[in-house]
């Protein structure tokens, strides 16, 4: 797994991408150039009136609204990854 990410394996994470997407889910590993998440929510911020921070805080309070069983995210698109439990609500 990418350096520093091993401690996040099996935990709910928030992945901010360079695009207008934010992804929440359980980090299960790395496959080549991709992070792999299970039970994830791939959220397009263009589809809502809330901003990125508001959306993530709501997920912290109410749980992840799962819309994908497995998601692979290209590591080159990742701006930031953190534990959902570390989000200040």
N, C-alpha and C. Protein backbone atom coordinates (compact mmCIF):
# COMPACT_ATOMS: atom_id res chain seq x y z
N UNK A 1 0.85 -1.18 0.00
CA UNK A 1 0.00 0.00 0.00
C UNK A 1 0.90 1.24 0.00
N UNK A 2 0.39 2.34 -0.55
CA UNK A 2 1.17 3.58 -0.60
C UNK A 2 1.71 3.92 0.78
N UNK A 3 2.91 4.47 0.82
CA UNK A 3 3.51 4.87 2.09
C UNK A 3 2.53 5.73 2.88
N UNK A 4 2.36 5.41 4.14
CA UNK A 4 1.51 6.21 5.01
C UNK A 4 0.04 5.85 4.99
N UNK A 5 -0.40 5.06 4.04
CA UNK A 5 -1.82 4.72 3.95
C UNK A 5 -2.17 3.43 4.68
N UNK A 6 -1.19 2.64 5.02
CA UNK A 6 -1.47 1.37 5.68
C UNK A 6 -2.30 1.56 6.94
N UNK A 7 -2.07 2.64 7.67
CA UNK A 7 -2.83 2.89 8.90
C UNK A 7 -4.30 3.21 8.63
N UNK A 8 -4.62 3.53 7.37
CA UNK A 8 -6.01 3.84 7.01
C UNK A 8 -6.77 2.63 6.48
N UNK A 9 -6.07 1.53 6.23
CA UNK A 9 -6.71 0.33 5.68
C UNK A 9 -7.83 -0.13 6.62
N UNK A 10 -9.00 -0.40 6.04
CA UNK A 10 -10.14 -0.89 6.81
C UNK A 10 -10.94 0.20 7.49
N UNK A 11 -10.57 1.45 7.30
CA UNK A 11 -11.27 2.56 7.94
C UNK A 11 -12.05 3.38 6.92
N UNK A 12 -13.09 4.03 7.41
CA UNK A 12 -13.86 4.95 6.57
C UNK A 12 -13.01 6.19 6.33
N UNK A 13 -12.88 6.56 5.05
CA UNK A 13 -12.04 7.70 4.67
C UNK A 13 -12.82 8.67 3.78
N UNK A 14 -12.28 9.88 3.71
CA UNK A 14 -12.75 10.92 2.81
C UNK A 14 -11.62 11.16 1.82
N UNK A 15 -11.93 11.08 0.53
CA UNK A 15 -10.92 11.32 -0.50
C UNK A 15 -11.36 12.53 -1.32
N UNK A 16 -10.60 13.61 -1.21
CA UNK A 16 -10.85 14.80 -2.02
C UNK A 16 -10.08 14.64 -3.32
N UNK A 17 -10.77 14.87 -4.43
CA UNK A 17 -10.15 14.73 -5.75
C UNK A 17 -9.94 16.09 -6.39
N UNK A 18 -9.10 16.15 -7.40
CA UNK A 18 -8.85 17.40 -8.10
C UNK A 18 -10.09 17.89 -8.84
N UNK A 19 -11.01 17.00 -9.12
CA UNK A 19 -12.24 17.35 -9.82
C UNK A 19 -13.31 17.79 -8.82
N UNK A 20 -14.52 17.91 -9.28
CA UNK A 20 -15.65 18.29 -8.44
C UNK A 20 -16.26 17.09 -7.72
N UNK A 21 -15.47 16.07 -7.48
CA UNK A 21 -15.95 14.87 -6.80
C UNK A 21 -15.28 14.74 -5.44
N UNK A 22 -16.04 14.20 -4.50
CA UNK A 22 -15.50 13.77 -3.21
C UNK A 22 -16.00 12.34 -3.03
N UNK A 23 -15.13 11.48 -2.51
CA UNK A 23 -15.48 10.07 -2.37
C UNK A 23 -15.27 9.67 -0.92
N UNK A 24 -16.27 8.99 -0.37
CA UNK A 24 -16.20 8.48 0.99
C UNK A 24 -16.38 6.98 0.93
N UNK A 25 -15.65 6.25 1.76
CA UNK A 25 -15.79 4.80 1.77
C UNK A 25 -14.72 4.17 2.63
N UNK A 26 -14.70 2.84 2.63
CA UNK A 26 -13.73 2.10 3.41
C UNK A 26 -12.54 1.74 2.53
N UNK A 27 -11.37 2.22 2.90
CA UNK A 27 -10.16 1.95 2.13
C UNK A 27 -9.75 0.49 2.35
N UNK A 28 -9.66 -0.27 1.25
CA UNK A 28 -9.26 -1.68 1.39
C UNK A 28 -7.90 -1.97 0.80
N UNK A 29 -7.37 -1.07 -0.03
CA UNK A 29 -6.05 -1.33 -0.57
C UNK A 29 -5.70 -0.48 -1.77
N UNK A 30 -4.62 -0.88 -2.42
CA UNK A 30 -4.12 -0.22 -3.62
C UNK A 30 -3.92 -1.28 -4.69
N UNK A 31 -4.39 -0.99 -5.90
CA UNK A 31 -4.17 -1.86 -7.05
C UNK A 31 -3.46 -1.03 -8.11
N UNK A 32 -2.16 -1.18 -8.21
CA UNK A 32 -1.41 -0.39 -9.18
C UNK A 32 -1.54 1.08 -8.88
N UNK A 33 -2.08 1.84 -9.83
CA UNK A 33 -2.21 3.29 -9.68
C UNK A 33 -3.53 3.70 -9.02
N UNK A 34 -4.27 2.74 -8.47
CA UNK A 34 -5.61 3.04 -7.95
C UNK A 34 -5.75 2.73 -6.46
N UNK A 35 -6.42 3.63 -5.74
CA UNK A 35 -6.88 3.34 -4.39
C UNK A 35 -8.19 2.57 -4.54
N UNK A 36 -8.43 1.59 -3.70
CA UNK A 36 -9.65 0.80 -3.79
C UNK A 36 -10.45 1.00 -2.50
N UNK A 37 -11.70 1.42 -2.68
CA UNK A 37 -12.62 1.62 -1.56
C UNK A 37 -13.83 0.73 -1.72
N UNK A 38 -14.37 0.26 -0.61
CA UNK A 38 -15.61 -0.51 -0.59
C UNK A 38 -16.71 0.32 0.05
N UNK A 39 -17.95 -0.06 -0.25
CA UNK A 39 -19.11 0.59 0.36
C UNK A 39 -18.93 2.10 0.32
N UNK A 40 -18.79 2.62 -0.89
CA UNK A 40 -18.42 4.03 -1.05
C UNK A 40 -19.55 4.89 -1.58
N UNK A 41 -19.35 6.18 -1.39
CA UNK A 41 -20.24 7.22 -1.89
C UNK A 41 -19.41 8.10 -2.81
N UNK A 42 -19.69 8.02 -4.11
CA UNK A 42 -19.03 8.88 -5.09
C UNK A 42 -19.99 10.05 -5.30
N UNK A 43 -19.58 11.22 -4.85
CA UNK A 43 -20.48 12.38 -4.86
C UNK A 43 -19.96 13.48 -5.77
N UNK A 44 -20.79 13.86 -6.74
CA UNK A 44 -20.48 14.95 -7.67
C UNK A 44 -21.03 16.24 -7.05
N UNK A 45 -20.15 17.13 -6.66
CA UNK A 45 -20.57 18.36 -5.99
C UNK A 45 -21.36 19.30 -6.90
N UNK A 46 -21.32 19.06 -8.20
CA UNK A 46 -22.12 19.88 -9.11
C UNK A 46 -23.61 19.54 -9.01
N UNK A 47 -23.93 18.40 -8.38
CA UNK A 47 -25.31 17.95 -8.28
C UNK A 47 -26.01 18.41 -7.00
N UNK A 48 -25.38 19.29 -6.24
CA UNK A 48 -25.94 19.68 -4.95
C UNK A 48 -25.67 21.14 -4.66
N UNK A 49 -26.41 21.70 -3.73
CA UNK A 49 -26.18 23.08 -3.32
C UNK A 49 -25.21 23.18 -2.16
N UNK A 50 -24.83 22.06 -1.57
CA UNK A 50 -23.87 22.08 -0.47
C UNK A 50 -22.45 22.08 -1.02
N UNK A 51 -21.54 22.64 -0.23
CA UNK A 51 -20.14 22.60 -0.64
C UNK A 51 -19.48 21.33 -0.12
N UNK A 52 -18.23 21.13 -0.46
CA UNK A 52 -17.49 19.92 -0.10
C UNK A 52 -17.47 19.71 1.41
N UNK A 53 -17.13 20.74 2.16
CA UNK A 53 -17.03 20.61 3.62
C UNK A 53 -18.38 20.29 4.25
N UNK A 54 -19.43 20.95 3.81
CA UNK A 54 -20.76 20.67 4.36
C UNK A 54 -21.16 19.21 4.10
N UNK A 55 -20.88 18.75 2.89
CA UNK A 55 -21.25 17.37 2.54
C UNK A 55 -20.50 16.36 3.41
N UNK A 56 -19.22 16.59 3.61
CA UNK A 56 -18.40 15.67 4.40
C UNK A 56 -18.83 15.69 5.87
N UNK A 57 -19.13 16.87 6.40
CA UNK A 57 -19.59 16.97 7.79
C UNK A 57 -20.92 16.22 7.97
N UNK A 58 -21.81 16.34 7.01
CA UNK A 58 -23.08 15.60 7.09
C UNK A 58 -22.84 14.09 7.06
N UNK A 59 -21.91 13.65 6.26
CA UNK A 59 -21.57 12.22 6.21
C UNK A 59 -20.98 11.77 7.54
N UNK A 60 -20.20 12.62 8.17
CA UNK A 60 -19.62 12.29 9.48
C UNK A 60 -20.74 12.14 10.51
N UNK A 61 -21.72 13.01 10.46
CA UNK A 61 -22.83 12.99 11.42
C UNK A 61 -23.80 11.84 11.18
N UNK A 62 -24.12 11.58 9.91
CA UNK A 62 -25.21 10.66 9.58
C UNK A 62 -24.78 9.37 8.90
N UNK A 63 -23.51 9.25 8.57
CA UNK A 63 -23.02 8.05 7.91
C UNK A 63 -22.89 8.23 6.41
N UNK A 64 -22.14 7.34 5.82
CA UNK A 64 -21.89 7.36 4.37
C UNK A 64 -23.12 6.83 3.64
N UNK A 65 -23.57 7.57 2.64
CA UNK A 65 -24.68 7.15 1.80
C UNK A 65 -24.13 6.32 0.64
N UNK A 66 -24.00 5.04 0.86
CA UNK A 66 -23.34 4.15 -0.09
C UNK A 66 -24.08 4.10 -1.42
N UNK A 67 -23.33 4.31 -2.52
CA UNK A 67 -23.90 4.15 -3.86
C UNK A 67 -23.01 3.32 -4.78
N UNK A 68 -21.90 2.77 -4.24
CA UNK A 68 -21.02 1.88 -4.99
C UNK A 68 -20.51 0.79 -4.05
N UNK A 69 -20.47 -0.46 -4.54
CA UNK A 69 -19.88 -1.55 -3.75
C UNK A 69 -18.37 -1.40 -3.69
N UNK A 70 -17.76 -1.19 -4.86
CA UNK A 70 -16.30 -1.04 -4.95
C UNK A 70 -16.00 0.13 -5.88
N UNK A 71 -15.03 0.95 -5.47
CA UNK A 71 -14.62 2.10 -6.27
C UNK A 71 -13.10 2.12 -6.36
N UNK A 72 -12.60 2.39 -7.54
CA UNK A 72 -11.16 2.54 -7.75
C UNK A 72 -10.89 3.99 -8.16
N UNK A 73 -10.00 4.63 -7.42
CA UNK A 73 -9.68 6.04 -7.66
C UNK A 73 -8.23 6.16 -8.11
N UNK A 74 -8.02 6.85 -9.20
CA UNK A 74 -6.66 7.05 -9.69
C UNK A 74 -5.90 7.94 -8.71
N UNK A 75 -4.78 7.45 -8.21
CA UNK A 75 -4.01 8.16 -7.20
C UNK A 75 -3.58 9.55 -7.65
N UNK A 76 -3.37 9.71 -8.93
CA UNK A 76 -2.97 11.01 -9.46
C UNK A 76 -4.03 12.08 -9.33
N UNK A 77 -5.27 11.69 -9.07
CA UNK A 77 -6.38 12.63 -8.90
C UNK A 77 -6.61 13.00 -7.44
N UNK A 78 -5.92 12.32 -6.53
CA UNK A 78 -6.16 12.52 -5.10
C UNK A 78 -5.42 13.76 -4.60
N UNK A 79 -6.18 14.65 -3.96
CA UNK A 79 -5.61 15.84 -3.33
C UNK A 79 -5.34 15.56 -1.86
N UNK A 80 -6.26 14.85 -1.24
CA UNK A 80 -6.18 14.63 0.20
C UNK A 80 -6.97 13.38 0.57
N UNK A 81 -6.50 12.66 1.57
CA UNK A 81 -7.24 11.53 2.12
C UNK A 81 -7.14 11.60 3.63
N UNK A 82 -8.26 11.42 4.31
CA UNK A 82 -8.26 11.44 5.77
C UNK A 82 -9.35 10.51 6.29
N UNK A 83 -9.21 10.14 7.55
CA UNK A 83 -10.23 9.31 8.18
C UNK A 83 -11.51 10.14 8.34
N UNK A 84 -12.65 9.52 8.11
CA UNK A 84 -13.91 10.22 8.32
C UNK A 84 -14.04 10.60 9.78
N UNK A 85 -13.54 9.78 10.68
CA UNK A 85 -13.59 10.11 12.11
C UNK A 85 -12.78 11.35 12.47
N UNK A 86 -11.85 11.76 11.61
CA UNK A 86 -11.05 12.96 11.88
C UNK A 86 -11.71 14.25 11.41
N UNK A 87 -12.86 14.12 10.74
CA UNK A 87 -13.60 15.30 10.30
C UNK A 87 -14.27 15.93 11.53
N UNK A 88 -14.07 17.22 11.69
CA UNK A 88 -14.67 17.93 12.82
C UNK A 88 -16.11 18.29 12.48
N UNK A 89 -17.02 17.73 13.26
CA UNK A 89 -18.45 17.97 12.98
C UNK A 89 -19.05 18.88 14.03
